[in-house]
Amino acid sequence: MSANRGLLLALPKGRILEELTPLLARVGIVPEPAFSDESSRQLRFRTNDPDLDIIRVRSFDVATFVAFGAAELGVAGNDVLMEFDYPELYAPVDLGIGRCRLSVAAERDVAESDDPARWSHIRIATKYPAVTARHFAARGVQAECIKLNGAMELAPGLGLCRRIVDLVSSGRTLEANGLVELERIAEITSRLIVNRSALKTRPAELQPLVARFREAADAA
Protein backbone atom coordinates (compact mmCIF):
# COMPACT_ATOMS: atom_id res chain seq x y z
CA MET A 1 0.00 0.00 0.00
CA SER A 2 1.21 3.49 -0.75
CA ALA A 3 1.32 6.09 2.01
CA ASN A 4 1.07 8.77 -0.68
CA ARG A 5 -2.42 7.88 -1.80
CA GLY A 6 -5.67 8.75 -0.06
CA LEU A 7 -7.41 6.28 2.20
CA LEU A 8 -9.65 3.56 0.79
CA LEU A 9 -12.73 2.30 2.65
CA ALA A 10 -14.11 -1.10 1.55
CA LEU A 11 -17.86 -1.56 2.03
CA PRO A 12 -20.02 -4.64 1.40
CA LYS A 13 -22.66 -4.89 -1.27
CA GLY A 14 -26.17 -6.00 -0.38
CA ARG A 15 -28.67 -5.35 2.38
CA ILE A 16 -26.10 -4.11 4.90
CA LEU A 17 -25.65 -0.94 2.82
CA GLU A 18 -29.14 0.20 3.87
CA GLU A 19 -28.05 0.21 7.51
CA LEU A 20 -24.63 1.61 6.67
CA THR A 21 -25.89 4.70 4.86
CA PRO A 22 -27.18 6.62 7.92
CA LEU A 23 -24.11 5.58 9.90
CA LEU A 24 -21.81 6.98 7.20
CA ALA A 25 -23.77 10.23 7.39
CA ARG A 26 -23.17 10.41 11.16
CA VAL A 27 -19.46 9.79 10.54
CA GLY A 28 -19.50 12.67 8.06
CA ILE A 29 -18.79 10.61 4.96
CA VAL A 30 -20.94 11.48 1.94
CA PRO A 31 -20.34 9.29 -1.14
CA GLU A 32 -20.88 10.62 -4.65
CA PRO A 33 -24.45 10.09 -6.01
CA ALA A 34 -23.49 7.03 -8.07
CA PHE A 35 -22.89 5.11 -4.83
CA SER A 36 -26.66 5.01 -4.18
CA ASP A 37 -27.56 4.18 -7.77
CA GLU A 38 -28.45 0.48 -7.83
CA SER A 39 -28.15 0.39 -11.61
CA SER A 40 -24.58 1.73 -11.56
CA ARG A 41 -21.81 -0.73 -12.32
CA GLN A 42 -19.22 1.56 -10.78
CA LEU A 43 -17.20 -0.03 -7.96
CA ARG A 44 -15.05 2.87 -6.73
CA PHE A 45 -16.56 6.13 -5.54
CA ARG A 46 -15.36 9.54 -4.45
CA THR A 47 -16.62 11.08 -1.21
CA ASN A 48 -16.89 14.60 0.21
CA ASP A 49 -13.42 13.97 1.67
CA PRO A 50 -10.87 14.32 -1.16
CA ASP A 51 -8.52 11.98 0.74
CA LEU A 52 -11.06 9.16 1.12
CA ASP A 53 -12.57 6.92 -1.57
CA ILE A 54 -14.98 4.00 -1.16
CA ILE A 55 -14.95 0.66 -2.95
CA ARG A 56 -18.03 -1.57 -2.96
CA VAL A 57 -17.28 -5.31 -3.03
CA ARG A 58 -18.77 -8.62 -1.91
CA SER A 59 -19.03 -8.95 1.86
CA PHE A 60 -16.51 -11.81 2.00
CA ASP A 61 -14.04 -9.78 -0.08
CA VAL A 62 -13.99 -6.75 2.24
CA ALA A 63 -11.79 -8.59 4.74
CA THR A 64 -9.40 -9.72 2.00
CA PHE A 65 -8.99 -6.24 0.51
CA VAL A 66 -8.20 -4.80 3.95
CA ALA A 67 -6.03 -7.69 5.17
CA PHE A 68 -3.76 -7.46 2.11
CA GLY A 69 -3.54 -3.68 2.21
CA ALA A 70 -5.54 -2.88 -0.94
CA ALA A 71 -7.83 -0.87 1.34
CA GLU A 72 -6.88 0.65 4.68
CA LEU A 73 -10.22 0.05 6.39
CA GLY A 74 -13.61 -1.51 5.79
CA VAL A 75 -16.84 -2.83 7.25
CA ALA A 76 -17.32 -6.59 7.67
CA GLY A 77 -19.49 -8.91 9.71
CA ASN A 78 -17.77 -10.89 12.44
CA ASP A 79 -18.94 -14.02 10.58
CA VAL A 80 -16.46 -13.09 7.83
CA LEU A 81 -13.75 -12.23 10.37
CA MET A 82 -14.19 -15.58 12.13
CA GLU A 83 -14.08 -17.51 8.86
CA PHE A 84 -10.86 -15.95 7.55
CA ASP A 85 -9.18 -15.07 10.87
CA TYR A 86 -6.66 -12.76 9.19
CA PRO A 87 -4.01 -11.63 11.72
CA GLU A 88 -3.55 -8.42 9.71
CA LEU A 89 -7.02 -7.21 10.66
CA TYR A 90 -7.90 -5.09 13.69
CA ALA A 91 -11.60 -4.63 14.50
CA PRO A 92 -11.78 -1.68 16.91
CA VAL A 93 -15.49 -0.81 16.62
CA ASP A 94 -18.67 -2.92 16.77
CA LEU A 95 -21.01 -0.84 14.60
CA GLY A 96 -24.12 -2.57 15.95
CA ILE A 97 -25.66 -3.06 12.50
CA GLY A 98 -26.36 -6.15 10.42
CA ARG A 99 -27.55 -8.07 13.47
CA CYS A 100 -28.19 -11.76 12.88
CA ARG A 101 -26.84 -15.10 14.07
CA LEU A 102 -24.81 -17.97 12.67
CA SER A 103 -26.78 -21.13 13.34
CA VAL A 104 -27.01 -24.85 12.70
CA ALA A 105 -30.33 -25.85 11.13
CA ALA A 106 -32.01 -29.00 9.89
CA GLU A 107 -35.34 -30.21 8.55
CA ARG A 108 -38.01 -30.32 11.25
CA ASP A 109 -38.32 -34.13 11.37
CA VAL A 110 -34.53 -34.48 11.65
CA ALA A 111 -34.40 -31.87 14.41
CA GLU A 112 -37.11 -33.61 16.43
CA SER A 113 -35.29 -36.96 16.40
CA ASP A 114 -31.72 -35.63 16.48
CA ASP A 115 -29.52 -35.88 19.56
CA PRO A 116 -26.44 -33.67 19.13
CA ALA A 117 -24.76 -35.44 22.06
CA ARG A 118 -24.53 -38.59 19.93
CA TRP A 119 -22.87 -36.95 16.91
CA SER A 120 -19.37 -38.13 16.00
CA HIS A 121 -19.30 -37.34 12.28
CA ILE A 122 -21.72 -35.06 10.45
CA ARG A 123 -22.03 -33.64 6.94
CA ILE A 124 -22.97 -29.97 6.73
CA ALA A 125 -23.51 -27.52 3.87
CA THR A 126 -22.23 -24.04 4.63
CA LYS A 127 -20.52 -20.90 3.38
CA TYR A 128 -18.43 -21.03 6.57
CA PRO A 129 -16.41 -24.28 6.51
CA ALA A 130 -13.62 -23.04 8.81
CA VAL A 131 -15.97 -21.71 11.50
CA THR A 132 -18.16 -24.81 11.24
CA ALA A 133 -15.26 -27.26 11.49
CA ARG A 134 -13.82 -25.42 14.53
CA HIS A 135 -17.20 -25.27 16.24
CA PHE A 136 -17.78 -29.00 16.05
CA ALA A 137 -14.15 -30.01 16.59
CA ALA A 138 -14.29 -28.21 19.95
CA ARG A 139 -16.67 -30.89 21.16
CA GLY A 140 -15.05 -33.81 19.40
CA VAL A 141 -17.29 -33.97 16.33
CA GLN A 142 -15.80 -34.29 12.87
CA ALA A 143 -17.67 -32.04 10.43
CA GLU A 144 -17.51 -32.81 6.72
CA CYS A 145 -18.25 -29.37 5.26
CA ILE A 146 -19.72 -28.95 1.78
CA LYS A 147 -18.99 -25.41 0.61
CA LEU A 148 -21.97 -23.60 -0.90
CA ASN A 149 -22.20 -19.89 -1.63
CA GLY A 150 -25.98 -19.63 -1.50
CA ALA A 151 -29.33 -21.46 -1.47
CA MET A 152 -28.15 -23.36 1.60
CA GLU A 153 -31.73 -24.15 2.59
CA LEU A 154 -32.15 -26.41 -0.46
CA ALA A 155 -29.38 -28.80 0.57
CA PRO A 156 -31.24 -30.98 3.12
CA GLY A 157 -34.35 -31.42 0.96
CA LEU A 158 -32.25 -32.46 -2.03
CA GLY A 159 -30.28 -35.03 -0.04
CA LEU A 160 -26.97 -33.18 -0.12
CA CYS A 161 -26.74 -33.24 3.67
CA ARG A 162 -28.99 -33.33 6.74
CA ARG A 163 -27.85 -30.07 8.32
CA ILE A 164 -26.67 -26.61 7.31
CA VAL A 165 -24.81 -23.73 8.95
CA ASP A 166 -25.96 -20.32 7.77
CA LEU A 167 -26.82 -16.78 8.82
CA VAL A 168 -30.29 -16.41 10.30
CA SER A 169 -32.09 -13.13 10.81
CA SER A 170 -35.85 -13.48 11.22
CA GLY A 171 -35.89 -17.23 10.59
CA ARG A 172 -38.55 -16.87 7.89
CA THR A 173 -36.34 -18.33 5.15
CA LEU A 174 -35.66 -21.42 7.25
CA GLU A 175 -39.35 -21.80 8.01
CA ALA A 176 -40.35 -21.39 4.37
CA ASN A 177 -38.02 -24.26 3.48
CA GLY A 178 -39.10 -26.58 6.30
CA LEU A 179 -36.01 -26.03 8.46
CA VAL A 180 -35.57 -25.16 12.13
CA GLU A 181 -32.60 -23.94 14.15
CA LEU A 182 -30.78 -26.56 16.20
CA GLU A 183 -28.22 -24.31 17.86
CA ARG A 184 -26.52 -20.93 17.57
CA ILE A 185 -22.80 -20.73 16.88
CA ALA A 186 -22.39 -16.94 17.22
CA GLU A 187 -24.22 -13.64 17.34
CA ILE A 188 -23.24 -11.51 14.35
CA THR A 189 -22.84 -7.75 13.88
CA SER A 190 -20.81 -5.64 11.48
CA ARG A 191 -17.45 -4.25 12.61
CA LEU A 192 -15.15 -1.50 11.43
CA ILE A 193 -11.91 -3.22 10.42
CA VAL A 194 -8.50 -1.65 9.89
CA ASN A 195 -5.28 -2.94 8.39
CA ARG A 196 -2.77 -3.16 11.28
CA SER A 197 0.21 -2.02 9.21
CA ALA A 198 -1.68 1.00 7.91
CA LEU A 199 -2.68 1.94 11.45
CA LYS A 200 0.99 1.94 12.44
CA THR A 201 2.24 3.86 9.42
CA ARG A 202 -0.68 6.29 9.01
CA PRO A 203 -2.05 6.86 12.54
CA ALA A 204 -2.68 10.59 12.04
CA GLU A 205 -5.17 9.79 9.26
CA LEU A 206 -6.74 6.59 10.56
CA GLN A 207 -7.12 7.16 14.29
CA PRO A 208 -9.43 10.20 13.96
CA LEU A 209 -11.54 8.28 11.43
CA VAL A 210 -11.81 5.29 13.77
CA ALA A 211 -12.86 7.68 16.55
CA ARG A 212 -15.59 9.14 14.34
CA PHE A 213 -16.95 5.67 13.57
CA ARG A 214 -16.94 4.85 17.29
CA GLU A 215 -18.85 8.03 18.14
CA ALA A 216 -21.36 7.37 15.36
CA ALA A 217 -21.96 3.80 16.54
CA ASP A 218 -22.36 4.92 20.16
CA ALA A 219 -24.86 7.59 19.09
CA ALA A 220 -27.09 5.10 17.26
Foldseek 3Di string as FASTA:
>chain_A
DDPPAAAEEEEEDDDQVVVVVVLCVLLVWAWDPVVPVPPDPDAKTDTPDNRYIYGYYHQLCNCVCQQVVVGFKYKHKVLSCVLVVRPQKDFDAFLQPPKWFWFKKFAPVCLVPDDVVPAAEFEEEECRVRLVQVQQVVVNHGYRYDYDDDPRLVCCVVPVGGMYIDIGHPCVVQVVSRMDTNGTSGIMTMTMMGGNVCCVVPVVPPVVSVVSSRVSSVVD
